[in-house]
Amino acid sequence: MNRQLNIRLMSEEREENLSPYAVKSKLSQGRRKPEEPCPIRTVFQRDRDRIIHSKSFRRLKHKTQVFIAPLGDHYVTRLTHTLEVSQIARTIARALNLNEDLTEAIALGHDLGHTPFGHVGEDVLNELYHQGFRHNEQSLRVVELLENDGQGLNLTWEVRDGILNHSKTKGDIFGEGWGKVNTLEGEIGKIADIIAYINHDIGDAVRAGIITERDLPLSVVEVLGISHSQRINTLVRDIIDNSWTARGCDKIIKERPSIIMSQTVLEATNNLRDFLFERVYNLQSANEDAKKAREVIYRLYDYFKGHEDKLPLEYRAYSDDTERRVVDYIAGMTDQYALRTDEGLTK
């Protein structure tokens, strides 16, 4: 047998020791376009690599997380956020004996469709585009169509499902959201996203002088801890402890278990999230930088909607709908590219 082919088969064989609730690579629901299997990597490892090597992934380093065009070098970007999500998600998946490769691919791909200027850009495109705009749906569009010169990345169904359903609305972390993810690995990606941003956004807000760590609600600090590492450690350990059924060590149940927190930690996490909306996110979305960002997106949208011939050729081939083409182009811009393009319109 070919030694390289044996590598993938050995990896798939090791996955037989995963939890019975884990997704096994060889049992994936597959890709939209069938492909010959890689002789070395499983399908989920291959998806992870395609995401990392994509242009959309590289552009994340110049996209806002919360603070628009910060002067400091230590603020979180959409790329560093993605890496933090991946680290947290992999830790949980490994502890619960789930498929770490699938979890990692979902985490690395979840924000590929995010707009410039963070959620300010997302909100503006949602206001302007008649079909609405959500970054999770755009991330799916990126991997299915926009990447690779209109060919997409041809990822597996499980990774695409995790990307599409990773996000949720402002309410309770485990309440109703935008979609229900269909794998435990996807559930981990969804909760890891929240763990990452509520913690690193505190650091950025402190760095910007908006809050101090002493401003955090006492009820939150008493449960989660005062430092970044304490909070993440508390959250990750609590999720692992309360999701232990997912390992399949105990009696196998017919219903798929869920990735959950204890009630005490969940309440503290929701309170922390509410605090950040009140003291950080809402203020950031109303400041001068955000107003400027909104104006830039409005101008770009209006200009390219009326000058479709100015769109790059590839974006004119992705849809028959002019506004859809404009949305695809703007959503893919980095902060600085959007600003430079806007400046070019006024010259």
Protein backbone atom coordinates (compact mmCIF):
# COMPACT_ATOMS: atom_id res chain seq x y z
CA MET A 1 0.00 0.00 0.00
CA ASN A 2 1.14 3.51 -0.76
CA ARG A 3 2.69 4.92 2.44
CA GLN A 4 1.12 8.35 1.98
CA LEU A 5 -2.33 6.83 1.55
CA ASN A 6 -1.70 4.87 4.73
CA ILE A 7 -1.21 8.13 6.65
CA ARG A 8 -4.78 9.26 6.04
CA LEU A 9 -6.14 5.81 6.77
CA MET A 10 -4.23 5.73 10.06
CA SER A 11 -5.66 9.12 11.00
CA GLU A 12 -9.17 7.91 10.19
CA GLU A 13 -8.54 4.77 12.22
CA ARG A 14 -7.46 6.83 15.24
CA GLU A 15 -10.74 8.70 15.00
CA GLU A 16 -12.53 5.47 15.87
CA ASN A 17 -11.36 6.14 19.43
CA LEU A 18 -13.22 9.45 19.51
CA SER A 19 -16.52 9.90 21.31
CA PRO A 20 -19.48 8.14 19.66
CA TYR A 21 -20.97 11.64 19.32
CA ALA A 22 -17.96 12.96 17.38
CA VAL A 23 -18.08 13.37 13.60
CA LYS A 24 -15.68 10.90 11.97
CA SER A 25 -13.87 12.17 8.90
CA LYS A 26 -14.65 9.12 6.80
CA LEU A 27 -18.36 9.52 7.60
CA SER A 28 -18.53 13.16 6.50
CA GLN A 29 -21.55 14.09 4.39
CA GLY A 30 -19.00 15.19 1.83
CA ARG A 31 -18.41 18.07 -0.53
CA ARG A 32 -20.67 19.63 -3.12
CA LYS A 33 -18.18 18.61 -5.79
CA PRO A 34 -16.68 15.16 -5.20
CA GLU A 35 -12.88 14.99 -5.04
CA GLU A 36 -10.24 12.34 -4.80
CA PRO A 37 -9.24 11.97 -1.14
CA CYS A 38 -5.93 13.41 -0.02
CA PRO A 39 -3.33 10.69 0.61
CA ILE A 40 -2.13 12.36 3.82
CA ARG A 41 -4.90 14.51 5.30
CA THR A 42 -8.45 13.73 6.38
CA VAL A 43 -11.23 15.79 4.81
CA PHE A 44 -11.44 18.12 7.82
CA GLN A 45 -7.68 18.65 7.93
CA ARG A 46 -7.84 19.52 4.25
CA ASP A 47 -10.65 22.02 4.90
CA ARG A 48 -8.61 23.67 7.64
CA ASP A 49 -5.66 24.10 5.30
CA ARG A 50 -7.79 25.52 2.50
CA ILE A 51 -9.18 28.13 4.85
CA ILE A 52 -5.76 29.14 6.16
CA HIS A 53 -4.39 29.54 2.63
CA SER A 54 -7.37 31.57 1.38
CA LYS A 55 -7.17 35.27 0.57
CA SER A 56 -10.17 35.95 2.80
CA PHE A 57 -8.29 34.53 5.78
CA ARG A 58 -5.27 36.76 5.13
CA ARG A 59 -7.46 39.85 4.92
CA LEU A 60 -8.75 39.26 8.46
CA LYS A 61 -5.53 40.79 9.81
CA HIS A 62 -6.67 44.20 8.54
CA LYS A 63 -10.31 44.00 9.62
CA THR A 64 -11.69 45.60 12.78
CA GLN A 65 -12.86 43.50 15.70
CA VAL A 66 -14.38 46.28 17.86
CA PHE A 67 -12.11 49.32 17.82
CA ILE A 68 -11.88 51.01 14.42
CA ALA A 69 -8.36 52.01 13.30
CA PRO A 70 -6.80 51.92 16.80
CA LEU A 71 -3.37 53.50 17.19
CA GLY A 72 -1.91 50.75 19.38
CA ASP A 73 -0.36 47.54 18.07
CA HIS A 74 -1.95 45.28 20.68
CA TYR A 75 -5.62 45.67 19.83
CA VAL A 76 -7.46 42.58 18.65
CA THR A 77 -8.08 42.23 14.92
CA ARG A 78 -10.49 39.88 13.22
CA LEU A 79 -7.53 37.54 12.58
CA THR A 80 -6.24 37.40 16.16
CA HIS A 81 -9.84 36.90 17.32
CA THR A 82 -10.15 33.96 14.94
CA LEU A 83 -6.96 32.39 16.28
CA GLU A 84 -8.17 32.79 19.86
CA VAL A 85 -11.48 31.15 18.97
CA SER A 86 -9.59 28.27 17.39
CA GLN A 87 -7.39 27.77 20.47
CA ILE A 88 -10.33 27.75 22.88
CA ALA A 89 -12.41 25.50 20.64
CA ARG A 90 -9.62 22.98 20.15
CA THR A 91 -9.01 22.79 23.90
CA ILE A 92 -12.67 21.97 24.58
CA ALA A 93 -12.93 19.51 21.68
CA ARG A 94 -9.82 17.65 22.77
CA ALA A 95 -11.02 17.41 26.38
CA LEU A 96 -14.40 16.04 25.28
CA ASN A 97 -12.80 13.61 22.81
CA LEU A 98 -14.56 15.18 19.84
CA ASN A 99 -13.11 15.83 16.39
CA GLU A 100 -10.51 18.53 16.92
CA ASP A 101 -9.78 18.93 13.19
CA LEU A 102 -13.42 19.66 12.38
CA THR A 103 -13.68 22.05 15.32
CA GLU A 104 -10.55 23.90 14.20
CA ALA A 105 -11.73 24.26 10.61
CA ILE A 106 -15.06 25.72 11.73
CA ALA A 107 -13.33 28.16 14.08
CA LEU A 108 -10.83 29.33 11.47
CA GLY A 109 -13.53 29.87 8.84
CA HIS A 110 -16.31 31.39 10.92
CA ASP A 111 -15.55 35.08 10.18
CA LEU A 112 -14.26 34.94 6.61
CA GLY A 113 -17.24 36.98 5.41
CA HIS A 114 -17.05 39.71 8.02
CA THR A 115 -17.19 43.30 6.80
CA PRO A 116 -14.66 46.07 7.27
CA PHE A 117 -15.19 48.17 10.42
CA GLY A 118 -16.58 45.26 12.44
CA HIS A 119 -20.25 45.17 13.32
CA VAL A 120 -20.67 48.79 12.22
CA GLY A 121 -19.98 47.70 8.64
CA GLU A 122 -22.27 44.71 9.06
CA ASP A 123 -25.10 46.89 10.35
CA VAL A 124 -24.82 49.33 7.45
CA LEU A 125 -24.87 46.61 4.79
CA ASN A 126 -27.84 45.06 6.56
CA GLU A 127 -29.64 48.40 6.35
CA LEU A 128 -28.77 49.02 2.70
CA TYR A 129 -29.13 45.63 1.06
CA HIS A 130 -32.73 44.68 0.37
CA GLN A 131 -32.15 41.04 1.35
CA GLY A 132 -30.33 41.97 4.54
CA PHE A 133 -26.80 41.07 5.53
CA ARG A 134 -25.36 38.75 8.18
CA HIS A 135 -21.68 38.00 8.33
CA ASN A 136 -22.21 34.29 9.01
CA GLU A 137 -24.20 33.94 5.78
CA GLN A 138 -21.54 35.92 3.94
CA SER A 139 -18.83 33.64 5.37
CA LEU A 140 -20.66 30.69 3.86
CA ARG A 141 -20.93 32.54 0.54
CA VAL A 142 -17.18 33.17 0.64
CA VAL A 143 -16.27 29.50 1.01
CA GLU A 144 -18.95 28.28 -1.40
CA LEU A 145 -18.46 30.82 -4.20
CA LEU A 146 -16.31 33.92 -3.78
CA GLU A 147 -12.96 32.32 -2.97
CA ASN A 148 -10.73 30.70 -5.58
CA ASP A 149 -11.90 32.82 -8.52
CA GLY A 150 -15.53 31.87 -8.15
CA GLN A 151 -14.89 28.18 -7.50
CA GLY A 152 -15.15 28.40 -3.73
CA LEU A 153 -13.17 26.18 -1.37
CA ASN A 154 -15.46 23.16 -1.77
CA LEU A 155 -15.49 22.45 1.97
CA THR A 156 -17.29 19.57 3.63
CA TRP A 157 -20.91 19.89 4.71
CA GLU A 158 -19.98 19.79 8.41
CA VAL A 159 -17.58 22.74 8.17
CA ARG A 160 -20.03 24.77 6.12
CA ASP A 161 -22.79 24.02 8.63
CA GLY A 162 -20.59 25.19 11.50
CA ILE A 163 -19.65 28.39 9.70
CA LEU A 164 -23.25 29.25 8.80
CA ASN A 165 -24.64 28.58 12.26
CA HIS A 166 -21.84 29.92 14.46
CA SER A 167 -23.39 33.30 15.19
CA LYS A 168 -26.36 34.41 17.23
CA THR A 169 -28.31 37.44 18.37
CA LYS A 170 -27.67 39.52 21.48
CA GLY A 171 -29.87 37.53 23.89
CA ASP A 172 -29.04 34.65 26.19
CA ILE A 173 -25.98 32.72 25.03
CA PHE A 174 -27.93 29.47 24.78
CA GLY A 175 -31.20 31.13 23.77
CA GLU A 176 -32.71 31.41 20.33
CA GLY A 177 -30.23 32.60 17.73
CA TRP A 178 -29.80 32.70 13.98
CA GLY A 179 -29.45 28.99 13.48
CA LYS A 180 -28.96 25.62 15.13
CA VAL A 181 -25.63 23.99 14.45
CA ASN A 182 -25.82 20.30 13.63
CA THR A 183 -22.63 18.91 15.19
CA LEU A 184 -21.13 19.08 18.67
CA GLU A 185 -17.96 20.40 17.07
CA GLY A 186 -20.01 23.26 15.64
CA GLU A 187 -21.57 23.91 19.05
CA ILE A 188 -18.06 24.23 20.47
CA GLY A 189 -17.11 26.71 17.75
CA LYS A 190 -20.17 28.79 18.55
CA ILE A 191 -19.50 29.02 22.29
CA ALA A 192 -15.73 29.47 21.79
CA ASP A 193 -16.49 32.54 19.65
CA ILE A 194 -18.40 34.10 22.55
CA ILE A 195 -15.76 33.16 25.14
CA ALA A 196 -13.04 34.72 23.00
CA TYR A 197 -14.71 38.03 22.24
CA ILE A 198 -16.15 38.83 25.66
CA ASN A 199 -12.70 38.37 27.14
CA HIS A 200 -10.42 40.04 24.61
CA ASP A 201 -12.90 42.91 24.19
CA ILE A 202 -12.49 43.67 27.89
CA GLY A 203 -8.75 43.95 27.34
CA ASP A 204 -9.20 46.28 24.38
CA ALA A 205 -11.70 48.45 26.27
CA VAL A 206 -9.26 48.75 29.19
CA ARG A 207 -6.46 49.54 26.75
CA ALA A 208 -8.60 52.28 25.21
CA GLY A 209 -9.40 53.79 28.61
CA ILE A 210 -13.13 53.17 28.30
CA ILE A 211 -13.34 50.92 31.35
CA THR A 212 -11.06 49.48 34.00
CA GLU A 213 -11.16 45.92 35.26
CA ARG A 214 -12.57 47.34 38.50
CA ASP A 215 -15.66 48.40 36.56
CA LEU A 216 -16.62 44.79 35.86
CA PRO A 217 -19.72 43.74 37.80
CA LEU A 218 -18.78 42.20 41.14
CA SER A 219 -21.18 39.30 40.54
CA VAL A 220 -19.23 38.48 37.36
CA VAL A 221 -15.79 38.76 38.95
CA GLU A 222 -16.78 36.54 41.88
CA VAL A 223 -17.79 33.75 39.51
CA LEU A 224 -15.47 34.10 36.52
CA GLY A 225 -12.42 35.85 37.96
CA ILE A 226 -10.79 39.24 37.50
CA SER A 227 -8.08 38.51 34.92
CA HIS A 228 -8.31 37.43 31.29
CA SER A 229 -6.73 34.05 31.98
CA GLN A 230 -8.91 33.41 35.05
CA ARG A 231 -12.11 34.08 33.13
CA ILE A 232 -11.19 31.86 30.18
CA ASN A 233 -9.99 29.10 32.49
CA THR A 234 -13.25 29.23 34.45
CA LEU A 235 -15.41 29.17 31.34
CA VAL A 236 -13.52 26.38 29.57
CA ARG A 237 -13.40 24.15 32.65
CA ASP A 238 -17.08 24.73 33.39
CA ILE A 239 -18.06 23.81 29.82
CA ILE A 240 -15.96 20.66 29.91
CA ASP A 241 -17.38 19.60 33.29
CA ASN A 242 -20.99 20.22 32.30
CA SER A 243 -20.66 18.75 28.80
CA TRP A 244 -18.88 15.58 29.94
CA THR A 245 -21.64 13.37 28.54
CA ALA A 246 -20.35 14.32 25.08
CA ARG A 247 -17.28 12.14 25.67
CA GLY A 248 -19.49 9.09 25.58
CA CYS A 249 -17.81 7.60 28.66
CA ASP A 250 -21.10 7.16 30.47
CA LYS A 251 -24.19 5.33 29.31
CA ILE A 252 -24.87 6.17 25.67
CA ILE A 253 -28.05 8.18 25.26
CA LYS A 254 -30.20 8.28 22.15
CA GLU A 255 -30.40 12.06 22.03
CA ARG A 256 -27.24 13.91 21.11
CA PRO A 257 -25.85 15.71 24.19
CA SER A 258 -25.18 19.44 24.12
CA ILE A 259 -22.29 21.73 24.91
CA ILE A 260 -23.47 23.63 27.99
CA MET A 261 -22.44 25.65 31.06
CA SER A 262 -23.57 25.48 34.64
CA GLN A 263 -26.39 27.88 35.49
CA THR A 264 -24.14 29.98 37.74
CA VAL A 265 -21.45 30.47 35.08
CA LEU A 266 -24.04 31.02 32.36
CA GLU A 267 -25.69 33.83 34.34
CA ALA A 268 -22.33 35.47 34.99
CA THR A 269 -21.38 35.20 31.32
CA ASN A 270 -24.67 36.71 30.17
CA ASN A 271 -24.23 39.53 32.70
CA LEU A 272 -20.72 40.19 31.41
CA ARG A 273 -21.97 40.26 27.83
CA ASP A 274 -24.75 42.70 28.79
CA PHE A 275 -22.18 44.89 30.55
CA LEU A 276 -20.03 45.01 27.42
CA PHE A 277 -22.97 45.98 25.23
CA GLU A 278 -23.88 48.80 27.61
CA ARG A 279 -20.40 50.11 28.39
CA VAL A 280 -18.41 49.27 25.24
CA TYR A 281 -20.22 48.08 22.12
CA ASN A 282 -23.07 50.59 22.11
CA LEU A 283 -20.70 53.47 22.79
CA GLN A 284 -18.24 52.34 20.13
CA SER A 285 -20.99 52.09 17.52
CA ALA A 286 -21.93 55.73 18.18
CA ASN A 287 -18.51 57.41 18.35
CA GLU A 288 -16.88 59.55 15.66
CA ASP A 289 -14.82 56.72 14.15
CA ALA A 290 -17.96 54.62 13.80
CA LYS A 291 -19.83 57.52 12.20
CA LYS A 292 -17.01 57.96 9.70
CA ALA A 293 -17.01 54.23 8.97
CA ARG A 294 -20.76 54.27 8.38
CA GLU A 295 -20.39 57.18 5.96
CA VAL A 296 -17.66 55.34 4.06
CA ILE A 297 -19.79 52.22 3.62
CA TYR A 298 -22.78 54.32 2.53
CA ARG A 299 -20.71 56.17 -0.07
CA LEU A 300 -19.10 53.01 -1.41
CA TYR A 301 -22.45 51.28 -1.69
CA ASP A 302 -24.10 54.20 -3.44
CA TYR A 303 -21.18 54.71 -5.84
CA PHE A 304 -20.74 51.12 -6.96
CA LYS A 305 -24.47 50.58 -7.25
CA GLY A 306 -24.51 53.41 -9.78
CA HIS A 307 -21.16 52.54 -11.40
CA GLU A 308 -21.25 48.78 -11.74
CA ASP A 309 -18.57 48.94 -14.44
CA LYS A 310 -16.10 50.06 -11.77
CA LEU A 311 -16.43 46.80 -9.87
CA PRO A 312 -13.57 44.32 -10.35
CA LEU A 313 -14.39 41.91 -13.15
CA GLU A 314 -14.60 38.86 -10.89
CA TYR A 315 -17.34 40.43 -8.75
CA ARG A 316 -19.40 41.12 -11.84
CA ALA A 317 -19.37 37.39 -12.57
CA TYR A 318 -20.59 36.20 -9.16
CA SER A 319 -24.20 37.37 -9.46
CA ASP A 320 -26.75 38.85 -11.85
CA ASP A 321 -27.95 41.21 -9.11
CA THR A 322 -26.04 44.51 -9.01
CA GLU A 323 -26.60 45.06 -5.30
CA ARG A 324 -25.46 41.52 -4.50
CA ARG A 325 -22.25 42.21 -6.42
CA VAL A 326 -21.69 45.44 -4.51
CA VAL A 327 -22.28 43.72 -1.17
CA ASP A 328 -19.79 40.98 -2.04
CA TYR A 329 -17.15 43.53 -2.97
CA ILE A 330 -17.57 45.79 0.06
CA ALA A 331 -17.84 42.92 2.55
CA GLY A 332 -14.51 41.57 1.34
CA MET A 333 -12.68 44.87 1.86
CA THR A 334 -10.27 45.47 4.71
CA ASP A 335 -10.66 48.66 6.75
CA GLN A 336 -7.76 50.40 5.03
CA TYR A 337 -8.79 49.31 1.53
CA ALA A 338 -12.29 50.64 2.13
CA LEU A 339 -10.87 53.98 3.29
CA ARG A 340 -8.49 54.20 0.31
CA THR A 341 -11.25 53.32 -2.13
CA ASP A 342 -13.52 55.95 -0.59
CA GLU A 343 -10.79 58.57 -0.85
CA GLY A 344 -10.35 57.70 -4.51
CA LEU A 345 -14.01 58.47 -5.19
CA THR A 346 -13.63 62.07 -4.08
CA LYS A 347 -10.53 62.85 -6.13
